[in-house]
Amino acid sequence: MKNRKRGFSLVELLIVLAVIAALIATITPVALNAIKKSKATQVAQNLKTLASSIENKAYVDGGEKAIGTSTSTVNMTNLASFVRDLNESEYKAEYIYSGDGVYTVTITYKGGDVDESLVIGMLQNATTTTDGIEYEFSFSTY
């Protein structure tokens, strides 16, 4: 009987490495796409949550008292507690009071690290501008 060394041959190791490389090459684009979609979903959800919190604040505190009756910027520090993982420097909210309790609010995401087309696909009133992604909505406090 012939004595054979224990272990794997070079050919066997190369085949295993080739299979592992093929799996990695297949999975990498899927994982990267999932990460892009996840970030876009997070931004879209933050925009919707900020919109909801601004609207709720106006309803609860009384529109003119809570927000004001002129065009102005919303203080994002007051709203940060409503949104998970909110980077206040990436979001900006402005409103226009058009009278009779009607407000038009524009929330802008200016992070720039997200696929804008995915966010716009998730939100009907979102658009791309030079400042970033804008989400606009109106509501009435009466």
Foldseek 3Di string as FASTA:
>chain_A
DDDDDDDDDPVVVVVVVVVVVVVCVVCVVVVVVVVQLVVLVLVLVQVVQLVVVLVVQCQVVPPCVRPRAAKDKDDCVVVVVRGPPDDVVQKTKIWGHPDQQKIKMKIFGQPPPHDQVSNCVVAVQWDQDPRGIIHIDMDGND
